[in-house]
Amino acid sequence: MTIHRYLKDVTTLSLNPDLCTGCGMCTQVCPHAVLRMENRKAAVSDRDACMECGACALNCPAGALTVNPGVGCAAAIITGFLTGTDPSCGCEGEQKEGGCC
């Protein structure tokens, strides 16, 4: 299986382990195995593989996960592929609410 990488250190994924009940739903719905179970709680295993689809947050009954789903990283990857350059969302140096994109 190919491991996908998006823009390094820009994902809006956030996990509050204190709210996690250990149901494991997030690990079942994440298409890129960003989350894993550790000591009966969810843990982030590969933050840079997160594509910000929001499936984990939408399916977390305890509200332990949050993510701002969007197309920022996808657009950056497509632009980089089409132009033959590194992925860039074009917001370098800008302060946007919620981070890049």
PDB file of N, CA and C in Angstrom:
ATOM      1  N   MET A   1       0.836  -1.177   0.000  1.00  0.00           N
ATOM      2  CA  MET A   1       0.000   0.000   0.000  1.00  0.00           C
ATOM      3  C   MET A   1       0.884   1.244   0.000  1.00  0.00           C
ATOM      4  N   THR A   2       0.549   2.204  -0.806  1.00  0.00           N
ATOM      5  CA  THR A   2       1.280   3.454  -0.866  1.00  0.00           C
ATOM      6  C   THR A   2       0.914   4.324   0.334  1.00  0.00           C
ATOM      7  N   ILE A   3       1.926   4.870   0.983  1.00  0.00           N
ATOM      8  CA  ILE A   3       1.683   5.783   2.097  1.00  0.00           C
ATOM      9  C   ILE A   3       1.643   7.197   1.539  1.00  0.00           C
ATOM     10  N   HIS A   4       0.507   7.851   1.709  1.00  0.00           N
ATOM     11  CA  HIS A   4       0.334   9.205   1.196  1.00  0.00           C
ATOM     12  C   HIS A   4       0.867  10.216   2.194  1.00  0.00           C
ATOM     13  N   ARG A   5       1.465  11.259   1.688  1.00  0.00           N
ATOM     14  CA  ARG A   5       1.935  12.367   2.512  1.00  0.00           C
ATOM     15  C   ARG A   5       1.330  13.639   1.954  1.00  0.00           C
ATOM     16  N   TYR A   6       0.931  14.483   2.838  1.00  0.00           N
ATOM     17  CA  TYR A   6       0.371  15.767   2.446  1.00  0.00           C
ATOM     18  C   TYR A   6       1.367  16.834   2.872  1.00  0.00           C
ATOM     19  N   LEU A   7       0.934  17.985   3.204  1.00  0.00           N
ATOM     20  CA  LEU A   7       1.858  19.028   3.633  1.00  0.00           C
ATOM     21  C   LEU A   7       2.279  18.770   5.078  1.00  0.00           C
ATOM     22  N   LYS A   8       3.565  18.826   5.329  1.00  0.00           N
ATOM     23  CA  LYS A   8       4.101  18.504   6.650  1.00  0.00           C
ATOM     24  C   LYS A   8       3.656  19.527   7.704  1.00  0.00           C
ATOM     25  N   ASP A   9       3.175  19.003   8.808  1.00  0.00           N
ATOM     26  CA  ASP A   9       2.824  19.798   9.996  1.00  0.00           C
ATOM     27  C   ASP A   9       1.764  20.871   9.764  1.00  0.00           C
ATOM     28  N   VAL A  10       0.787  20.632   8.889  1.00  0.00           N
ATOM     29  CA  VAL A  10      -0.263  21.635   8.695  1.00  0.00           C
ATOM     30  C   VAL A  10      -1.662  21.112   9.004  1.00  0.00           C
ATOM     31  N   THR A  11      -1.805  19.830   9.292  1.00  0.00           N
ATOM     32  CA  THR A  11      -3.139  19.297   9.523  1.00  0.00           C
ATOM     33  C   THR A  11      -3.794  19.945  10.740  1.00  0.00           C
ATOM     34  N   THR A  12      -5.101  20.086  10.670  1.00  0.00           N
ATOM     35  CA  THR A  12      -5.861  20.670  11.775  1.00  0.00           C
ATOM     36  C   THR A  12      -6.367  19.596  12.734  1.00  0.00           C
ATOM     37  N   LEU A  13      -5.983  18.350  12.512  1.00  0.00           N
ATOM     38  CA  LEU A  13      -6.413  17.242  13.371  1.00  0.00           C
ATOM     39  C   LEU A  13      -5.967  17.480  14.805  1.00  0.00           C
ATOM     40  N   SER A  14      -6.908  17.313  15.726  1.00  0.00           N
ATOM     41  CA  SER A  14      -6.605  17.476  17.143  1.00  0.00           C
ATOM     42  C   SER A  14      -7.331  16.383  17.921  1.00  0.00           C
ATOM     43  N   LEU A  15      -6.643  15.791  18.868  1.00  0.00           N
ATOM     44  CA  LEU A  15      -7.200  14.730  19.704  1.00  0.00           C
ATOM     45  C   LEU A  15      -7.089  15.130  21.166  1.00  0.00           C
ATOM     46  N   ASN A  16      -8.210  15.058  21.872  1.00  0.00           N
ATOM     47  CA  ASN A  16      -8.215  15.294  23.309  1.00  0.00           C
ATOM     48  C   ASN A  16      -8.349  13.929  23.985  1.00  0.00           C
ATOM     49  N   PRO A  17      -7.241  13.342  24.448  1.00  0.00           N
ATOM     50  CA  PRO A  17      -7.299  11.997  25.022  1.00  0.00           C
ATOM     51  C   PRO A  17      -8.156  11.906  26.278  1.00  0.00           C
ATOM     52  N   ASP A  18      -8.356  13.026  26.972  1.00  0.00           N
ATOM     53  CA  ASP A  18      -9.187  13.012  28.172  1.00  0.00           C
ATOM     54  C   ASP A  18     -10.655  12.734  27.842  1.00  0.00           C
ATOM     55  N   LEU A  19     -11.076  13.093  26.623  1.00  0.00           N
ATOM     56  CA  LEU A  19     -12.460  12.849  26.213  1.00  0.00           C
ATOM     57  C   LEU A  19     -12.654  11.482  25.564  1.00  0.00           C
ATOM     58  N   CYS A  20     -11.569  10.866  25.128  1.00  0.00           N
ATOM     59  CA  CYS A  20     -11.650   9.588  24.416  1.00  0.00           C
ATOM     60  C   CYS A  20     -12.179   8.494  25.331  1.00  0.00           C
ATOM     61  N   THR A  21     -13.180   7.740  24.835  1.00  0.00           N
ATOM     62  CA  THR A  21     -13.756   6.622  25.590  1.00  0.00           C
ATOM     63  C   THR A  21     -13.177   5.280  25.158  1.00  0.00           C
ATOM     64  N   GLY A  22     -12.349   5.282  24.122  1.00  0.00           N
ATOM     65  CA  GLY A  22     -11.720   4.049  23.667  1.00  0.00           C
ATOM     66  C   GLY A  22     -12.589   3.174  22.789  1.00  0.00           C
ATOM     67  N   CYS A  23     -13.600   3.749  22.148  1.00  0.00           N
ATOM     68  CA  CYS A  23     -14.508   2.951  21.318  1.00  0.00           C
ATOM     69  C   CYS A  23     -13.832   2.429  20.050  1.00  0.00           C
ATOM     70  N   GLY A  24     -12.794   3.117  19.562  1.00  0.00           N
ATOM     71  CA  GLY A  24     -12.067   2.680  18.378  1.00  0.00           C
ATOM     72  C   GLY A  24     -12.704   3.035  17.049  1.00  0.00           C
ATOM     73  N   MET A  25     -13.811   3.742  17.071  1.00  0.00           N
ATOM     74  CA  MET A  25     -14.495   4.099  15.826  1.00  0.00           C
ATOM     75  C   MET A  25     -13.584   4.900  14.902  1.00  0.00           C
ATOM     76  N   CYS A  26     -12.783   5.781  15.443  1.00  0.00           N
ATOM     77  CA  CYS A  26     -11.903   6.608  14.616  1.00  0.00           C
ATOM     78  C   CYS A  26     -10.913   5.766  13.816  1.00  0.00           C
ATOM     79  N   THR A  27     -10.415   4.700  14.420  1.00  0.00           N
ATOM     80  CA  THR A  27      -9.462   3.845  13.722  1.00  0.00           C
ATOM     81  C   THR A  27     -10.131   3.051  12.604  1.00  0.00           C
ATOM     82  N   GLN A  28     -11.420   2.829  12.733  1.00  0.00           N
ATOM     83  CA  GLN A  28     -12.156   2.077  11.722  1.00  0.00           C
ATOM     84  C   GLN A  28     -12.520   2.932  10.512  1.00  0.00           C
ATOM     85  N   VAL A  29     -12.763   4.224  10.721  1.00  0.00           N
ATOM     86  CA  VAL A  29     -13.231   5.067   9.618  1.00  0.00           C
ATOM     87  C   VAL A  29     -12.133   5.865   8.932  1.00  0.00           C
ATOM     88  N   CYS A  30     -10.959   5.958   9.532  1.00  0.00           N
ATOM     89  CA  CYS A  30      -9.874   6.734   8.929  1.00  0.00           C
ATOM     90  C   CYS A  30      -9.311   5.992   7.713  1.00  0.00           C
ATOM     91  N   PRO A  31      -9.363   6.617   6.526  1.00  0.00           N
ATOM     92  CA  PRO A  31      -8.893   5.933   5.328  1.00  0.00           C
ATOM     93  C   PRO A  31      -7.377   5.785   5.226  1.00  0.00           C
ATOM     94  N   HIS A  32      -6.617   6.499   6.052  1.00  0.00           N
ATOM     95  CA  HIS A  32      -5.158   6.444   5.968  1.00  0.00           C
ATOM     96  C   HIS A  32      -4.483   5.996   7.256  1.00  0.00           C
ATOM     97  N   ALA A  33      -5.227   5.366   8.143  1.00  0.00           N
ATOM     98  CA  ALA A  33      -4.674   4.829   9.395  1.00  0.00           C
ATOM     99  C   ALA A  33      -3.869   5.863  10.171  1.00  0.00           C
ATOM    100  N   VAL A  34      -4.418   7.055  10.272  1.00  0.00           N
ATOM    101  CA  VAL A  34      -3.758   8.135  11.004  1.00  0.00           C
ATOM    102  C   VAL A  34      -3.842   7.888  12.513  1.00  0.00           C
ATOM    103  N   LEU A  35      -4.865   7.158  12.925  1.00  0.00           N
ATOM    104  CA  LEU A  35      -5.092   6.923  14.349  1.00  0.00           C
ATOM    105  C   LEU A  35      -4.915   5.443  14.689  1.00  0.00           C
ATOM    106  N   ARG A  36      -4.521   5.187  15.922  1.00  0.00           N
ATOM    107  CA  ARG A  36      -4.370   3.823  16.412  1.00  0.00           C
ATOM    108  C   ARG A  36      -4.870   3.788  17.856  1.00  0.00           C
ATOM    109  N   MET A  37      -5.120   2.609  18.359  1.00  0.00           N
ATOM    110  CA  MET A  37      -5.500   2.451  19.757  1.00  0.00           C
ATOM    111  C   MET A  37      -4.235   2.147  20.563  1.00  0.00           C
ATOM    112  N   GLU A  38      -4.097   2.847  21.676  1.00  0.00           N
ATOM    113  CA  GLU A  38      -2.927   2.684  22.550  1.00  0.00           C
ATOM    114  C   GLU A  38      -3.404   2.807  23.992  1.00  0.00           C
ATOM    115  N   ASN A  39      -3.218   1.775  24.766  1.00  0.00           N
ATOM    116  CA  ASN A  39      -3.670   1.772  26.162  1.00  0.00           C
ATOM    117  C   ASN A  39      -5.155   2.110  26.282  1.00  0.00           C
ATOM    118  N   ARG A  40      -5.940   1.522  25.380  1.00  0.00           N
ATOM    119  CA  ARG A  40      -7.403   1.680  25.359  1.00  0.00           C
ATOM    120  C   ARG A  40      -7.877   3.100  25.076  1.00  0.00           C
ATOM    121  N   LYS A  41      -7.036   3.865  24.421  1.00  0.00           N
ATOM    122  CA  LYS A  41      -7.386   5.231  24.002  1.00  0.00           C
ATOM    123  C   LYS A  41      -6.875   5.436  22.583  1.00  0.00           C
ATOM    124  N   ALA A  42      -7.501   6.349  21.871  1.00  0.00           N
ATOM    125  CA  ALA A  42      -7.023   6.704  20.532  1.00  0.00           C
ATOM    126  C   ALA A  42      -5.727   7.504  20.661  1.00  0.00           C
ATOM    127  N   ALA A  43      -4.859   7.318  19.679  1.00  0.00           N
ATOM    128  CA  ALA A  43      -3.599   8.063  19.614  1.00  0.00           C
ATOM    129  C   ALA A  43      -3.321   8.362  18.144  1.00  0.00           C
ATOM    130  N   VAL A  44      -2.675   9.476  17.890  1.00  0.00           N
ATOM    131  CA  VAL A  44      -2.317   9.844  16.525  1.00  0.00           C
ATOM    132  C   VAL A  44      -1.025   9.118  16.177  1.00  0.00           C
ATOM    133  N   SER A  45      -1.076   8.324  15.104  1.00  0.00           N
ATOM    134  CA  SER A  45       0.110   7.557  14.729  1.00  0.00           C
ATOM    135  C   SER A  45       0.885   8.197  13.586  1.00  0.00           C
ATOM    136  N   ASP A  46       0.191   8.919  12.706  1.00  0.00           N
ATOM    137  CA  ASP A  46       0.866   9.503  11.539  1.00  0.00           C
ATOM    138  C   ASP A  46       0.132  10.771  11.106  1.00  0.00           C
ATOM    139  N   ARG A  47       0.381  11.843  11.798  1.00  0.00           N
ATOM    140  CA  ARG A  47      -0.322  13.108  11.567  1.00  0.00           C
ATOM    141  C   ARG A  47      -0.203  13.600  10.119  1.00  0.00           C
ATOM    142  N   ASP A  48       0.940  13.435   9.497  1.00  0.00           N
ATOM    143  CA  ASP A  48       1.136  13.952   8.143  1.00  0.00           C
ATOM    144  C   ASP A  48       0.427  13.124   7.073  1.00  0.00           C
ATOM    145  N   ALA A  49      -0.165  11.997   7.455  1.00  0.00           N
ATOM    146  CA  ALA A  49      -0.965  11.211   6.514  1.00  0.00           C
ATOM    147  C   ALA A  49      -2.426  11.650   6.528  1.00  0.00           C
ATOM    148  N   CYS A  50      -2.789  12.550   7.437  1.00  0.00           N
ATOM    149  CA  CYS A  50      -4.171  13.021   7.545  1.00  0.00           C
ATOM    150  C   CYS A  50      -4.539  13.879   6.343  1.00  0.00           C
ATOM    151  N   MET A  51      -5.646  13.523   5.687  1.00  0.00           N
ATOM    152  CA  MET A  51      -6.108  14.292   4.535  1.00  0.00           C
ATOM    153  C   MET A  51      -7.267  15.212   4.911  1.00  0.00           C
ATOM    154  N   GLU A  52      -7.523  15.331   6.209  1.00  0.00           N
ATOM    155  CA  GLU A  52      -8.548  16.216   6.752  1.00  0.00           C
ATOM    156  C   GLU A  52      -9.933  15.942   6.170  1.00  0.00           C
ATOM    157  N   CYS A  53     -10.269  14.670   6.009  1.00  0.00           N
ATOM    158  CA  CYS A  53     -11.595  14.326   5.494  1.00  0.00           C
ATOM    159  C   CYS A  53     -12.671  14.533   6.547  1.00  0.00           C
ATOM    160  N   GLY A  54     -12.303  14.445   7.827  1.00  0.00           N
ATOM    161  CA  GLY A  54     -13.248  14.673   8.911  1.00  0.00           C
ATOM    162  C   GLY A  54     -13.997  13.440   9.375  1.00  0.00           C
ATOM    163  N   ALA A  55     -13.731  12.277   8.773  1.00  0.00           N
ATOM    164  CA  ALA A  55     -14.453  11.056   9.146  1.00  0.00           C
ATOM    165  C   ALA A  55     -14.274  10.714  10.618  1.00  0.00           C
ATOM    166  N   CYS A  56     -13.075  10.891  11.139  1.00  0.00           N
ATOM    167  CA  CYS A  56     -12.812  10.548  12.536  1.00  0.00           C
ATOM    168  C   CYS A  56     -13.651  11.421  13.478  1.00  0.00           C
ATOM    169  N   ALA A  57     -13.643  12.715  13.241  1.00  0.00           N
ATOM    170  CA  ALA A  57     -14.380  13.635  14.104  1.00  0.00           C
ATOM    171  C   ALA A  57     -15.886  13.427  13.996  1.00  0.00           C
ATOM    172  N   LEU A  58     -16.363  13.188  12.788  1.00  0.00           N
ATOM    173  CA  LEU A  58     -17.800  12.977  12.599  1.00  0.00           C
ATOM    174  C   LEU A  58     -18.291  11.698  13.256  1.00  0.00           C
ATOM    175  N   ASN A  59     -17.426  10.720  13.403  1.00  0.00           N
ATOM    176  CA  ASN A  59     -17.816   9.432  13.966  1.00  0.00           C
ATOM    177  C   ASN A  59     -17.387   9.230  15.412  1.00  0.00           C
ATOM    178  N   CYS A  60     -16.802  10.240  16.015  1.00  0.00           N
ATOM    179  CA  CYS A  60     -16.373  10.138  17.414  1.00  0.00           C
ATOM    180  C   CYS A  60     -17.552  10.508  18.323  1.00  0.00           C
ATOM    181  N   PRO A  61     -18.130   9.526  19.021  1.00  0.00           N
ATOM    182  CA  PRO A  61     -19.288   9.828  19.863  1.00  0.00           C
ATOM    183  C   PRO A  61     -18.950  10.683  21.089  1.00  0.00           C
ATOM    184  N   ALA A  62     -17.681  10.736  21.460  1.00  0.00           N
ATOM    185  CA  ALA A  62     -17.271  11.484  22.648  1.00  0.00           C
ATOM    186  C   ALA A  62     -16.796  12.895  22.324  1.00  0.00           C
ATOM    187  N   GLY A  63     -16.639  13.216  21.045  1.00  0.00           N
ATOM    188  CA  GLY A  63     -16.153  14.542  20.675  1.00  0.00           C
ATOM    189  C   GLY A  63     -14.682  14.741  20.986  1.00  0.00           C
ATOM    190  N   ALA A  64     -13.913  13.660  21.025  1.00  0.00           N
ATOM    191  CA  ALA A  64     -12.488  13.747  21.363  1.00  0.00           C
ATOM    192  C   ALA A  64     -11.635  14.214  20.191  1.00  0.00           C
ATOM    193  N   LEU A  65     -12.181  14.137  18.981  1.00  0.00           N
ATOM    194  CA  LEU A  65     -11.424  14.518  17.786  1.00  0.00           C
ATOM    195  C   LEU A  65     -12.047  15.723  17.115  1.00  0.00           C
ATOM    196  N   THR A  66     -11.186  16.601  16.640  1.00  0.00           N
ATOM    197  CA  THR A  66     -11.649  17.730  15.835  1.00  0.00           C
ATOM    198  C   THR A  66     -10.731  17.860  14.627  1.00  0.00           C
ATOM    199  N   VAL A  67     -11.300  18.311  13.532  1.00  0.00           N
ATOM    200  CA  VAL A  67     -10.535  18.566  12.316  1.00  0.00           C
ATOM    201  C   VAL A  67     -11.354  19.518  11.468  1.00  0.00           C
ATOM    202  N   ASN A  68     -10.688  20.446  10.815  1.00  0.00           N
ATOM    203  CA  ASN A  68     -11.360  21.356   9.899  1.00  0.00           C
ATOM    204  C   ASN A  68     -11.240  20.775   8.497  1.00  0.00           C
ATOM    205  N   PRO A  69     -12.255  20.015   8.063  1.00  0.00           N
ATOM    206  CA  PRO A  69     -12.154  19.402   6.740  1.00  0.00           C
ATOM    207  C   PRO A  69     -12.157  20.461   5.655  1.00  0.00           C
ATOM    208  N   GLY A  70     -11.381  20.219   4.632  1.00  0.00           N
ATOM    209  CA  GLY A  70     -11.292  21.163   3.532  1.00  0.00           C
ATOM    210  C   GLY A  70     -10.492  20.591   2.391  1.00  0.00           C
ATOM    211  N   VAL A  71     -10.183  21.429   1.441  1.00  0.00           N
ATOM    212  CA  VAL A  71      -9.461  20.965   0.260  1.00  0.00           C
ATOM    213  C   VAL A  71      -8.071  21.575   0.144  1.00  0.00           C
ATOM    214  N   GLY A  72      -7.601  22.242   1.168  1.00  0.00           N
ATOM    215  CA  GLY A  72      -6.305  22.916   1.104  1.00  0.00           C
ATOM    216  C   GLY A  72      -5.162  22.018   0.697  1.00  0.00           C
ATOM    217  N   CYS A  73      -4.990  20.900   1.382  1.00  0.00           N
ATOM    218  CA  CYS A  73      -3.881  20.002   1.068  1.00  0.00           C
ATOM    219  C   CYS A  73      -4.076  19.330  -0.276  1.00  0.00           C
ATOM    220  N   ALA A  74      -5.306  18.940  -0.587  1.00  0.00           N
ATOM    221  CA  ALA A  74      -5.565  18.306  -1.880  1.00  0.00           C
ATOM    222  C   ALA A  74      -5.239  19.264  -3.017  1.00  0.00           C
ATOM    223  N   ALA A  75      -5.643  20.508  -2.882  1.00  0.00           N
ATOM    224  CA  ALA A  75      -5.359  21.500  -3.917  1.00  0.00           C
ATOM    225  C   ALA A  75      -3.856  21.714  -4.058  1.00  0.00           C
ATOM    226  N   ALA A  76      -3.157  21.720  -2.934  1.00  0.00           N
ATOM    227  CA  ALA A  76      -1.699  21.912  -2.972  1.00  0.00           C
ATOM    228  C   ALA A  76      -1.008  20.757  -3.688  1.00  0.00           C
ATOM    229  N   ILE A  77      -1.448  19.543  -3.411  1.00  0.00           N
ATOM    230  CA  ILE A  77      -0.840  18.380  -4.051  1.00  0.00           C
ATOM    231  C   ILE A  77      -1.106  18.385  -5.550  1.00  0.00           C
ATOM    232  N   ILE A  78      -2.322  18.681  -5.934  1.00  0.00           N
ATOM    233  CA  ILE A  78      -2.667  18.732  -7.365  1.00  0.00           C
ATOM    234  C   ILE A  78      -1.863  19.815  -8.072  1.00  0.00           C
ATOM    235  N   THR A  79      -1.774  20.995  -7.473  1.00  0.00           N
ATOM    236  CA  THR A  79      -1.015  22.093  -8.072  1.00  0.00           C
ATOM    237  C   THR A  79       0.456  21.704  -8.219  1.00  0.00           C
ATOM    238  N   GLY A  80       1.021  21.099  -7.190  1.00  0.00           N
ATOM    239  CA  GLY A  80       2.415  20.662  -7.252  1.00  0.00           C
ATOM    240  C   GLY A  80       2.639  19.629  -8.340  1.00  0.00           C
ATOM    241  N   PHE A  81       1.708  18.696  -8.469  1.00  0.00           N
ATOM    242  CA  PHE A  81       1.816  17.663  -9.499  1.00  0.00           C
ATOM    243  C   PHE A  81       1.746  18.276 -10.896  1.00  0.00           C
ATOM    244  N   LEU A  82       0.802  19.180 -11.081  1.00  0.00           N
ATOM    245  CA  LEU A  82       0.613  19.787 -12.407  1.00  0.00           C
ATOM    246  C   LEU A  82       1.757  20.711 -12.801  1.00  0.00           C
ATOM    247  N   THR A  83       2.365  21.353 -11.824  1.00  0.00           N
ATOM    248  CA  THR A  83       3.442  22.299 -12.126  1.00  0.00           C
ATOM    249  C   THR A  83       4.830  21.686 -11.965  1.00  0.00           C
ATOM    250  N   GLY A  84       4.901  20.459 -11.445  1.00  0.00           N
ATOM    251  CA  GLY A  84       6.189  19.805 -11.240  1.00  0.00           C
ATOM    252  C   GLY A  84       6.980  20.391 -10.088  1.00  0.00           C
ATOM    253  N   THR A  85       6.279  20.990  -9.131  1.00  0.00           N
ATOM    254  CA  THR A  85       6.939  21.596  -7.971  1.00  0.00           C
ATOM    255  C   THR A  85       6.471  20.905  -6.699  1.00  0.00           C
ATOM    256  N   ASP A  86       7.048  21.301  -5.579  1.00  0.00           N
ATOM    257  CA  ASP A  86       6.597  20.783  -4.293  1.00  0.00           C
ATOM    258  C   ASP A  86       5.185  21.279  -4.015  1.00  0.00           C
ATOM    259  N   PRO A  87       4.379  20.499  -3.292  1.00  0.00           N
ATOM    260  CA  PRO A  87       3.035  20.946  -2.946  1.00  0.00           C
ATOM    261  C   PRO A  87       3.070  22.249  -2.166  1.00  0.00           C
ATOM    262  N   SER A  88       2.228  23.169  -2.550  1.00  0.00           N
ATOM    263  CA  SER A  88       2.125  24.450  -1.855  1.00  0.00           C
ATOM    264  C   SER A  88       0.706  24.964  -1.979  1.00  0.00           C
ATOM    265  N   CYS A  89       0.149  25.361  -0.856  1.00  0.00           N
ATOM    266  CA  CYS A  89      -1.206  25.891  -0.882  1.00  0.00           C
ATOM    267  C   CYS A  89      -1.214  27.386  -1.187  1.00  0.00           C
ATOM    268  N   GLY A  90      -0.043  27.999  -1.257  1.00  0.00           N
ATOM    269  CA  GLY A  90       0.036  29.413  -1.608  1.00  0.00           C
ATOM    270  C   GLY A  90      -0.210  30.361  -0.453  1.00  0.00           C
ATOM    271  N   CYS A  91      -0.290  29.842   0.765  1.00  0.00           N
ATOM    272  CA  CYS A  91      -0.580  30.733   1.894  1.00  0.00           C
ATOM    273  C   CYS A  91       0.639  30.944   2.783  1.00  0.00           C
ATOM    274  N   GLU A  92       1.815  30.646   2.289  1.00  0.00           N
ATOM    275  CA  GLU A  92       3.013  30.853   3.093  1.00  0.00           C
ATOM    276  C   GLU A  92       3.108  32.303   3.521  1.00  0.00           C
ATOM    277  N   GLY A  93       3.376  32.491   4.793  1.00  0.00           N
ATOM    278  CA  GLY A  93       3.526  33.842   5.325  1.00  0.00           C
ATOM    279  C   GLY A  93       2.218  34.514   5.697  1.00  0.00           C
ATOM    280  N   GLU A  94       1.078  33.903   5.370  1.00  0.00           N
ATOM    281  CA  GLU A  94      -0.213  34.496   5.733  1.00  0.00           C
ATOM    282  C   GLU A  94      -0.717  33.871   7.026  1.00  0.00           C
ATOM    283  N   GLN A  95      -1.407  34.632   7.794  1.00  0.00           N
ATOM    284  CA  GLN A  95      -2.040  34.118   8.998  1.00  0.00           C
ATOM    285  C   GLN A  95      -3.517  33.917   8.712  1.00  0.00           C
ATOM    286  N   LYS A  96      -3.935  32.679   8.579  1.00  0.00           N
ATOM    287  CA  LYS A  96      -5.335  32.367   8.330  1.00  0.00           C
ATOM    288  C   LYS A  96      -5.899  31.634   9.522  1.00  0.00           C
ATOM    289  N   GLU A  97      -7.157  31.892   9.839  1.00  0.00           N
ATOM    290  CA  GLU A  97      -7.806  31.208  10.938  1.00  0.00           C
ATOM    291  C   GLU A  97      -7.801  29.714  10.675  1.00  0.00           C
ATOM    292  N   GLY A  98      -7.379  28.916  11.652  1.00  0.00           N
ATOM    293  CA  GLY A  98      -7.338  27.480  11.506  1.00  0.00           C
ATOM    294  C   GLY A  98      -6.056  26.966  10.873  1.00  0.00           C
ATOM    295  N   GLY A  99      -5.108  27.846  10.594  1.00  0.00           N
ATOM    296  CA  GLY A  99      -3.839  27.423  10.019  1.00  0.00           C
ATOM    297  C   GLY A  99      -3.790  27.602   8.530  1.00  0.00           C
ATOM    298  N   CYS A 100      -2.866  26.917   7.909  1.00  0.00           N
ATOM    299  CA  CYS A 100      -2.663  27.009   6.469  1.00  0.00           C
ATOM    300  C   CYS A 100      -3.907  26.546   5.735  1.00  0.00           C
ATOM    301  N   CYS A 101      -4.272  27.234   4.694  1.00  0.00           N
ATOM    302  CA  CYS A 101      -5.426  26.906   3.856  1.00  0.00           C
ATOM    303  C   CYS A 101      -6.686  27.089   4.647  1.00  0.00           C
TER     304      CYS A 101
END
